[in-house]
PDB file of N, CA and C in Angstrom:
ATOM      1  N   UNK A   1      54.804  20.485  13.521  1.00  0.00           N
ATOM      2  CA  UNK A   1      54.793  19.536  12.933  1.00  0.00           C
ATOM      3  C   UNK A   1      56.143  19.546  13.084  1.00  0.00           C
ATOM      4  N   UNK A   2      56.592  18.519  13.252  1.00  0.00           N
ATOM      5  CA  UNK A   2      58.300  17.911  13.044  1.00  0.00           C
ATOM      6  C   UNK A   2      58.856  18.042  11.158  1.00  0.00           C
ATOM      7  N   UNK A   3      60.070  18.519  11.332  1.00  0.00           N
ATOM      8  CA  UNK A   3      60.578  18.606   9.432  1.00  0.00           C
ATOM      9  C   UNK A   3      62.002  17.436   9.453  1.00  0.00           C
ATOM     10  N   UNK A   4      61.748  16.690   8.079  1.00  0.00           N
ATOM     11  CA  UNK A   4      63.206  16.281   7.967  1.00  0.00           C
ATOM     12  C   UNK A   4      64.119  16.880   7.122  1.00  0.00           C
ATOM     13  N   UNK A   5      64.933  17.041   7.182  1.00  0.00           N
ATOM     14  CA  UNK A   5      65.509  18.110   6.071  1.00  0.00           C
ATOM     15  C   UNK A   5      67.436  17.692   6.601  1.00  0.00           C
ATOM     16  N   UNK A   6      68.307  17.069   6.399  1.00  0.00           N
ATOM     17  CA  UNK A   6      69.656  16.970   6.140  1.00  0.00           C
ATOM     18  C   UNK A   6      70.187  17.845   6.695  1.00  0.00           C
ATOM     19  N   UNK A   7      70.647  18.703   8.175  1.00  0.00           N
ATOM     20  CA  UNK A   7      70.999  19.989   8.388  1.00  0.00           C
ATOM     21  C   UNK A   7      71.001  19.820  10.055  1.00  0.00           C
ATOM     22  N   UNK A   8      72.120  19.902  10.083  1.00  0.00           N
ATOM     23  CA  UNK A   8      72.071  20.277  11.901  1.00  0.00           C
ATOM     24  C   UNK A   8      71.525  20.766  12.722  1.00  0.00           C
ATOM     25  N   UNK A   9      70.311  21.717  12.638  1.00  0.00           N
ATOM     26  CA  UNK A   9      69.618  22.281  12.432  1.00  0.00           C
ATOM     27  C   UNK A   9      68.440  21.333  13.125  1.00  0.00           C
ATOM     28  N   UNK A  10      68.109  20.128  11.962  1.00  0.00           N
ATOM     29  CA  UNK A  10      66.650  19.556  12.122  1.00  0.00           C
ATOM     30  C   UNK A  10      66.282  18.853  13.680  1.00  0.00           C
ATOM     31  N   UNK A  11      67.465  18.253  14.325  1.00  0.00           N
ATOM     32  CA  UNK A  11      67.109  17.179  15.441  1.00  0.00           C
ATOM     33  C   UNK A  11      66.828  18.428  16.616  1.00  0.00           C
ATOM     34  N   UNK A  12      67.978  19.534  16.701  1.00  0.00           N
ATOM     35  CA  UNK A  12      67.007  21.165  17.638  1.00  0.00           C
ATOM     36  C   UNK A  12      65.780  21.555  17.253  1.00  0.00           C
ATOM     37  N   UNK A  13      65.450  21.815  16.200  1.00  0.00           N
ATOM     38  CA  UNK A  13      64.283  22.320  16.118  1.00  0.00           C
ATOM     39  C   UNK A  13      63.067  21.534  16.249  1.00  0.00           C
ATOM     40  N   UNK A  14      63.248  20.005  16.109  1.00  0.00           N
ATOM     41  CA  UNK A  14      62.495  19.078  16.577  1.00  0.00           C
ATOM     42  C   UNK A  14      62.168  19.154  18.249  1.00  0.00           C
ATOM     43  N   UNK A  15      63.580  18.988  18.180  1.00  0.00           N
ATOM     44  CA  UNK A  15      63.463  18.543  20.355  1.00  0.00           C
ATOM     45  C   UNK A  15      62.520  20.063  20.838  1.00  0.00           C
ATOM     46  N   UNK A  16      63.184  21.116  20.217  1.00  0.00           N
ATOM     47  CA  UNK A  16      62.542  22.151  20.426  1.00  0.00           C
ATOM     48  C   UNK A  16      60.407  22.134  20.419  1.00  0.00           C
ATOM     49  N   UNK A  17      60.665  21.848  18.940  1.00  0.00           N
ATOM     50  CA  UNK A  17      59.166  21.529  18.921  1.00  0.00           C
ATOM     51  C   UNK A  17      57.977  20.771  20.127  1.00  0.00           C
ATOM     52  N   UNK A  18      58.801  19.587  20.522  1.00  0.00           N
ATOM     53  CA  UNK A  18      58.204  18.862  21.219  1.00  0.00           C
ATOM     54  C   UNK A  18      58.495  18.835  23.157  1.00  0.00           C
ATOM     55  N   UNK A  19      59.731  19.900  23.187  1.00  0.00           N
ATOM     56  CA  UNK A  19      59.703  20.536  24.310  1.00  0.00           C
ATOM     57  C   UNK A  19      58.338  21.551  24.424  1.00  0.00           C
ATOM     58  N   UNK A  20      58.474  22.680  23.453  1.00  0.00           N
ATOM     59  CA  UNK A  20      57.338  23.540  23.766  1.00  0.00           C
ATOM     60  C   UNK A  20      56.018  22.912  23.804  1.00  0.00           C
ATOM     61  N   UNK A  21      55.495  21.568  23.192  1.00  0.00           N
ATOM     62  CA  UNK A  21      54.453  20.940  23.044  1.00  0.00           C
ATOM     63  C   UNK A  21      54.251  20.068  24.422  1.00  0.00           C
ATOM     64  N   UNK A  22      55.018  19.964  24.778  1.00  0.00           N
ATOM     65  CA  UNK A  22      54.637  19.605  26.377  1.00  0.00           C
ATOM     66  C   UNK A  22      54.693  20.866  27.379  1.00  0.00           C
ATOM     67  N   UNK A  23      54.935  21.531  27.175  1.00  0.00           N
ATOM     68  CA  UNK A  23      54.683  22.691  27.883  1.00  0.00           C
ATOM     69  C   UNK A  23      52.762  22.746  28.136  1.00  0.00           C
ATOM     70  N   UNK A  24      52.229  22.432  27.486  1.00  0.00           N
ATOM     71  CA  UNK A  24      50.728  22.737  27.431  1.00  0.00           C
ATOM     72  C   UNK A  24      49.876  21.302  27.385  1.00  0.00           C
ATOM     73  N   UNK A  25      48.859  21.542  27.535  1.00  0.00           N
ATOM     74  CA  UNK A  25      47.750  19.937  28.100  1.00  0.00           C
ATOM     75  C   UNK A  25      47.778  19.471  26.411  1.00  0.00           C
ATOM     76  N   UNK A  26      47.963  18.200  26.568  1.00  0.00           N
ATOM     77  CA  UNK A  26      48.070  17.041  25.404  1.00  0.00           C
ATOM     78  C   UNK A  26      46.659  17.326  24.770  1.00  0.00           C
ATOM     79  N   UNK A  27      45.794  17.600  25.334  1.00  0.00           N
ATOM     80  CA  UNK A  27      44.618  18.169  23.784  1.00  0.00           C
ATOM     81  C   UNK A  27      44.771  18.968  23.325  1.00  0.00           C
ATOM     82  N   UNK A  28      45.204  20.522  24.107  1.00  0.00           N
ATOM     83  CA  UNK A  28      45.518  21.349  22.995  1.00  0.00           C
ATOM     84  C   UNK A  28      46.466  21.859  22.346  1.00  0.00           C
ATOM     85  N   UNK A  29      48.226  21.042  22.365  1.00  0.00           N
ATOM     86  CA  UNK A  29      49.136  21.244  20.748  1.00  0.00           C
ATOM     87  C   UNK A  29      48.985  19.546  20.922  1.00  0.00           C
ATOM     88  N   UNK A  30      49.710  19.763  19.862  1.00  0.00           N
ATOM     89  CA  UNK A  30      49.438  18.090  18.998  1.00  0.00           C
ATOM     90  C   UNK A  30      50.329  18.279  17.901  1.00  0.00           C
ATOM     91  N   UNK A  31      51.156  17.461  18.116  1.00  0.00           N
ATOM     92  CA  UNK A  31      52.422  17.335  17.012  1.00  0.00           C
ATOM     93  C   UNK A  31      52.483  16.055  16.040  1.00  0.00           C
ATOM     94  N   UNK A  32      52.479  16.821  14.597  1.00  0.00           N
ATOM     95  CA  UNK A  32      52.686  15.722  13.377  1.00  0.00           C
ATOM     96  C   UNK A  32      54.077  15.696  13.602  1.00  0.00           C
ATOM     97  N   UNK A  33      54.161  14.414  13.543  1.00  0.00           N
ATOM     98  CA  UNK A  33      55.613  13.837  13.225  1.00  0.00           C
ATOM     99  C   UNK A  33      56.417  13.258  12.153  1.00  0.00           C
ATOM    100  N   UNK A  34      55.981  14.543  10.913  1.00  0.00           N
ATOM    101  CA  UNK A  34      56.712  14.334   9.289  1.00  0.00           C
ATOM    102  C   UNK A  34      58.073  12.962   9.959  1.00  0.00           C
ATOM    103  N   UNK A  35      58.714  13.972  10.267  1.00  0.00           N
ATOM    104  CA  UNK A  35      60.174  13.429  10.674  1.00  0.00           C
ATOM    105  C   UNK A  35      60.415  11.262  11.061  1.00  0.00           C
ATOM    106  N   UNK A  36      59.847  11.453  11.756  1.00  0.00           N
ATOM    107  CA  UNK A  36      59.488   9.988  11.672  1.00  0.00           C
ATOM    108  C   UNK A  36      58.854   9.004  10.855  1.00  0.00           C
ATOM    109  N   UNK A  37      57.542   9.323  10.029  1.00  0.00           N
ATOM    110  CA  UNK A  37      57.168   8.867   8.533  1.00  0.00           C
ATOM    111  C   UNK A  37      58.321   8.902   8.024  1.00  0.00           C
ATOM    112  N   UNK A  38      58.422  10.398   7.221  1.00  0.00           N
ATOM    113  CA  UNK A  38      59.958  10.638   6.161  1.00  0.00           C
ATOM    114  C   UNK A  38      61.061   9.457   6.259  1.00  0.00           C
ATOM    115  N   UNK A  39      61.392   9.160   7.551  1.00  0.00           N
ATOM    116  CA  UNK A  39      62.601   8.679   7.994  1.00  0.00           C
ATOM    117  C   UNK A  39      62.596   7.215   7.572  1.00  0.00           C
ATOM    118  N   UNK A  40      61.436   6.718   7.148  1.00  0.00           N
ATOM    119  CA  UNK A  40      61.016   5.149   7.290  1.00  0.00           C
ATOM    120  C   UNK A  40      60.817   5.426   5.644  1.00  0.00           C
ATOM    121  N   UNK A  41      60.819   6.031   5.263  1.00  0.00           N
ATOM    122  CA  UNK A  41      60.664   6.323   3.827  1.00  0.00           C
ATOM    123  C   UNK A  41      61.455   7.243   2.408  1.00  0.00           C
ATOM    124  N   UNK A  42      62.481   7.485   3.410  1.00  0.00           N
ATOM    125  CA  UNK A  42      63.010   8.900   2.086  1.00  0.00           C
ATOM    126  C   UNK A  42      63.679   8.086   0.852  1.00  0.00           C
ATOM    127  N   UNK A  43      63.713   6.726   0.528  1.00  0.00           N
ATOM    128  CA  UNK A  43      63.674   6.953  -0.939  1.00  0.00           C
ATOM    129  C   UNK A  43      62.681   7.194  -1.665  1.00  0.00           C
ATOM    130  N   UNK A  44      61.293   6.286  -1.297  1.00  0.00           N
ATOM    131  CA  UNK A  44      60.086   6.544  -2.055  1.00  0.00           C
ATOM    132  C   UNK A  44      59.687   8.229  -1.897  1.00  0.00           C
ATOM    133  N   UNK A  45      59.887   8.730  -0.541  1.00  0.00           N
ATOM    134  CA  UNK A  45      59.270  10.111  -0.449  1.00  0.00           C
ATOM    135  C   UNK A  45      59.934  10.965  -0.818  1.00  0.00           C
ATOM    136  N   UNK A  46      61.077  11.163  -0.847  1.00  0.00           N
ATOM    137  CA  UNK A  46      62.141  12.125  -1.022  1.00  0.00           C
ATOM    138  C   UNK A  46      62.955  11.820  -1.809  1.00  0.00           C
ATOM    139  N   UNK A  47      63.725  13.158  -2.771  1.00  0.00           N
ATOM    140  CA  UNK A  47      64.666  13.199  -3.622  1.00  0.00           C
ATOM    141  C   UNK A  47      65.665  13.100  -2.659  1.00  0.00           C
ATOM    142  N   UNK A  48      67.161  13.077  -3.735  1.00  0.00           N
ATOM    143  CA  UNK A  48      68.530  12.848  -2.987  1.00  0.00           C
ATOM    144  C   UNK A  48      68.865  13.991  -2.376  1.00  0.00           C
ATOM    145  N   UNK A  49      68.586  15.099  -2.212  1.00  0.00           N
ATOM    146  CA  UNK A  49      69.001  16.386  -1.207  1.00  0.00           C
ATOM    147  C   UNK A  49      68.275  16.154   0.113  1.00  0.00           C
ATOM    148  N   UNK A  50      67.138  15.182   0.028  1.00  0.00           N
ATOM    149  CA  UNK A  50      66.633  14.445   1.785  1.00  0.00           C
ATOM    150  C   UNK A  50      65.827  15.326   2.103  1.00  0.00           C
ATOM    151  N   UNK A  51      65.485  16.519   1.498  1.00  0.00           N
ATOM    152  CA  UNK A  51      64.588  17.513   2.522  1.00  0.00           C
ATOM    153  C   UNK A  51      62.971  17.924   0.644  1.00  0.00           C
ATOM    154  N   UNK A  52      63.580  17.701  -0.280  1.00  0.00           N
ATOM    155  CA  UNK A  52      62.523  18.124  -1.307  1.00  0.00           C
ATOM    156  C   UNK A  52      61.484  16.609  -1.690  1.00  0.00           C
ATOM    157  N   UNK A  53      60.248  16.804  -1.849  1.00  0.00           N
ATOM    158  CA  UNK A  53      59.109  15.823  -1.892  1.00  0.00           C
ATOM    159  C   UNK A  53      58.748  15.479  -3.180  1.00  0.00           C
ATOM    160  N   UNK A  54      59.355  13.945  -3.481  1.00  0.00           N
ATOM    161  CA  UNK A  54      58.254  13.267  -4.705  1.00  0.00           C
ATOM    162  C   UNK A  54      56.956  13.483  -4.470  1.00  0.00           C
ATOM    163  N   UNK A  55      56.667  12.874  -5.608  1.00  0.00           N
ATOM    164  CA  UNK A  55      55.174  12.973  -5.751  1.00  0.00           C
ATOM    165  C   UNK A  55      54.628  12.407  -4.730  1.00  0.00           C
ATOM    166  N   UNK A  56      55.040  11.034  -4.427  1.00  0.00           N
ATOM    167  CA  UNK A  56      54.745  10.027  -2.901  1.00  0.00           C
ATOM    168  C   UNK A  56      54.651  10.954  -2.125  1.00  0.00           C
ATOM    169  N   UNK A  57      56.075  11.634  -2.385  1.00  0.00           N
ATOM    170  CA  UNK A  57      56.168  12.176  -0.895  1.00  0.00           C
ATOM    171  C   UNK A  57      55.375  13.300  -0.786  1.00  0.00           C
ATOM    172  N   UNK A  58      54.672  14.102  -1.482  1.00  0.00           N
ATOM    173  CA  UNK A  58      53.612  15.500  -1.593  1.00  0.00           C
ATOM    174  C   UNK A  58      52.555  14.820  -1.006  1.00  0.00           C
ATOM    175  N   UNK A  59      52.142  13.260  -1.263  1.00  0.00           N
ATOM    176  CA  UNK A  59      50.653  12.820  -1.295  1.00  0.00           C
ATOM    177  C   UNK A  59      50.740  12.136   0.635  1.00  0.00           C
ATOM    178  N   UNK A  60      52.323  11.733   0.235  1.00  0.00           N
ATOM    179  CA  UNK A  60      51.977  11.286   2.208  1.00  0.00           C
ATOM    180  C   UNK A  60      52.374  12.438   2.967  1.00  0.00           C
ATOM    181  N   UNK A  61      52.794  13.518   2.700  1.00  0.00           N
ATOM    182  CA  UNK A  61      52.759  14.515   3.181  1.00  0.00           C
ATOM    183  C   UNK A  61      51.383  15.402   3.729  1.00  0.00           C
ATOM    184  N   UNK A  62      50.566  15.456   2.542  1.00  0.00           N
ATOM    185  CA  UNK A  62      48.868  15.667   2.762  1.00  0.00           C
ATOM    186  C   UNK A  62      48.234  14.756   3.307  1.00  0.00           C
ATOM    187  N   UNK A  63      48.595  13.769   3.207  1.00  0.00           N
ATOM    188  CA  UNK A  63      48.018  12.757   3.790  1.00  0.00           C
ATOM    189  C   UNK A  63      48.169  12.924   5.388  1.00  0.00           C
ATOM    190  N   UNK A  64      49.295  12.814   5.779  1.00  0.00           N
ATOM    191  CA  UNK A  64      50.095  12.802   7.360  1.00  0.00           C
ATOM    192  C   UNK A  64      49.398  14.303   7.967  1.00  0.00           C
ATOM    193  N   UNK A  65      49.351  15.807   7.427  1.00  0.00           N
ATOM    194  CA  UNK A  65      48.652  16.568   7.937  1.00  0.00           C
ATOM    195  C   UNK A  65      46.992  16.437   8.401  1.00  0.00           C
ATOM    196  N   UNK A  66      46.538  15.795   7.131  1.00  0.00           N
ATOM    197  CA  UNK A  66      45.014  15.394   7.228  1.00  0.00           C
ATOM    198  C   UNK A  66      45.318  14.794   8.546  1.00  0.00           C
ATOM    199  N   UNK A  67      45.758  13.234   8.495  1.00  0.00           N
ATOM    200  CA  UNK A  67      44.908  12.312   9.734  1.00  0.00           C
ATOM    201  C   UNK A  67      45.816  13.493  11.265  1.00  0.00           C
ATOM    202  N   UNK A  68      46.469  14.132  11.469  1.00  0.00           N
ATOM    203  CA  UNK A  68      47.249  14.826  12.260  1.00  0.00           C
ATOM    204  C   UNK A  68      45.911  15.718  12.421  1.00  0.00           C
ATOM    205  N   UNK A  69      45.098  16.579  11.941  1.00  0.00           N
ATOM    206  CA  UNK A  69      44.305  17.243  12.117  1.00  0.00           C
ATOM    207  C   UNK A  69      43.180  16.146  12.538  1.00  0.00           C
ATOM    208  N   UNK A  70      42.761  16.178  11.670  1.00  0.00           N
ATOM    209  CA  UNK A  70      41.543  14.638  11.889  1.00  0.00           C
ATOM    210  C   UNK A  70      41.306  13.906  13.637  1.00  0.00           C
ATOM    211  N   UNK A  71      43.491  13.641  13.865  1.00  0.00           N
ATOM    212  CA  UNK A  71      43.296  13.323  15.024  1.00  0.00           C
ATOM    213  C   UNK A  71      43.298  14.076  16.432  1.00  0.00           C
ATOM    214  N   UNK A  72      43.279  15.171  16.266  1.00  0.00           N
ATOM    215  CA  UNK A  72      43.272  16.101  17.091  1.00  0.00           C
ATOM    216  C   UNK A  72      41.737  17.102  17.129  1.00  0.00           C
ATOM    217  N   UNK A  73      41.049  17.023  15.781  1.00  0.00           N
ATOM    218  CA  UNK A  73      39.452  17.288  15.343  1.00  0.00           C
ATOM    219  C   UNK A  73      38.518  16.354  15.412  1.00  0.00           C
ATOM    220  N   UNK A  74      38.395  15.491  15.862  1.00  0.00           N
ATOM    221  CA  UNK A  74      37.441  14.734  14.916  1.00  0.00           C
ATOM    222  C   UNK A  74      36.782  14.615  14.386  1.00  0.00           C
ATOM    223  N   UNK A  75      35.202  15.836  14.718  1.00  0.00           N
ATOM    224  CA  UNK A  75      34.229  16.386  14.102  1.00  0.00           C
ATOM    225  C   UNK A  75      34.760  16.499  12.523  1.00  0.00           C
ATOM    226  N   UNK A  76      35.902  17.420  12.564  1.00  0.00           N
ATOM    227  CA  UNK A  76      36.455  18.302  11.561  1.00  0.00           C
ATOM    228  C   UNK A  76      36.689  17.593  10.002  1.00  0.00           C
ATOM    229  N   UNK A  77      37.659  16.686  10.277  1.00  0.00           N
ATOM    230  CA  UNK A  77      38.032  15.988   9.057  1.00  0.00           C
ATOM    231  C   UNK A  77      38.013  14.054   9.614  1.00  0.00           C
ATOM    232  N   UNK A  78      38.031  12.997   8.351  1.00  0.00           N
ATOM    233  CA  UNK A  78      37.968  11.739   8.596  1.00  0.00           C
ATOM    234  C   UNK A  78      38.844  11.734   8.252  1.00  0.00           C
ATOM    235  N   UNK A  79      40.057  10.286   9.225  1.00  0.00           N
ATOM    236  CA  UNK A  79      41.091   9.985   8.650  1.00  0.00           C
ATOM    237  C   UNK A  79      41.097   9.103   7.405  1.00  0.00           C
ATOM    238  N   UNK A  80      42.336   8.988   6.710  1.00  0.00           N
ATOM    239  CA  UNK A  80      41.929   8.065   5.340  1.00  0.00           C
ATOM    240  C   UNK A  80      43.412   6.804   5.705  1.00  0.00           C
ATOM    241  N   UNK A  81      43.176   6.021   4.657  1.00  0.00           N
ATOM    242  CA  UNK A  81      44.807   5.298   5.633  1.00  0.00           C
ATOM    243  C   UNK A  81      45.542   5.567   5.250  1.00  0.00           C
ATOM    244  N   UNK A  82      46.395   5.278   5.989  1.00  0.00           N
ATOM    245  CA  UNK A  82      47.793   5.142   6.299  1.00  0.00           C
ATOM    246  C   UNK A  82      49.005   4.854   5.092  1.00  0.00           C
ATOM    247  N   UNK A  83      49.594   6.750   4.956  1.00  0.00           N
ATOM    248  CA  UNK A  83      51.082   5.580   3.726  1.00  0.00           C
ATOM    249  C   UNK A  83      52.316   4.785   4.654  1.00  0.00           C
ATOM    250  N   UNK A  84      52.038   5.229   5.650  1.00  0.00           N
ATOM    251  CA  UNK A  84      53.056   4.478   6.587  1.00  0.00           C
ATOM    252  C   UNK A  84      52.898   3.200   6.785  1.00  0.00           C
TER     253      UNK A  84
END
């Protein structure tokens, strides 16, 4: 899962995650892109510090994780409505 935090190391860590995932077959490693989703809903989902979740952000975070697992392992979970 990518990160969303207003720190210099955010893009470095997200890039590292993607590069590492690319070294494995696509059906073995799945990246959940929290950074992409949270960047589009910062005011609604994140407090002013840009890192900590508001209640709506916590719900979206849980849904995005659930949906990511459901896409990677369809028999385990059913995706719900997307918060984005």
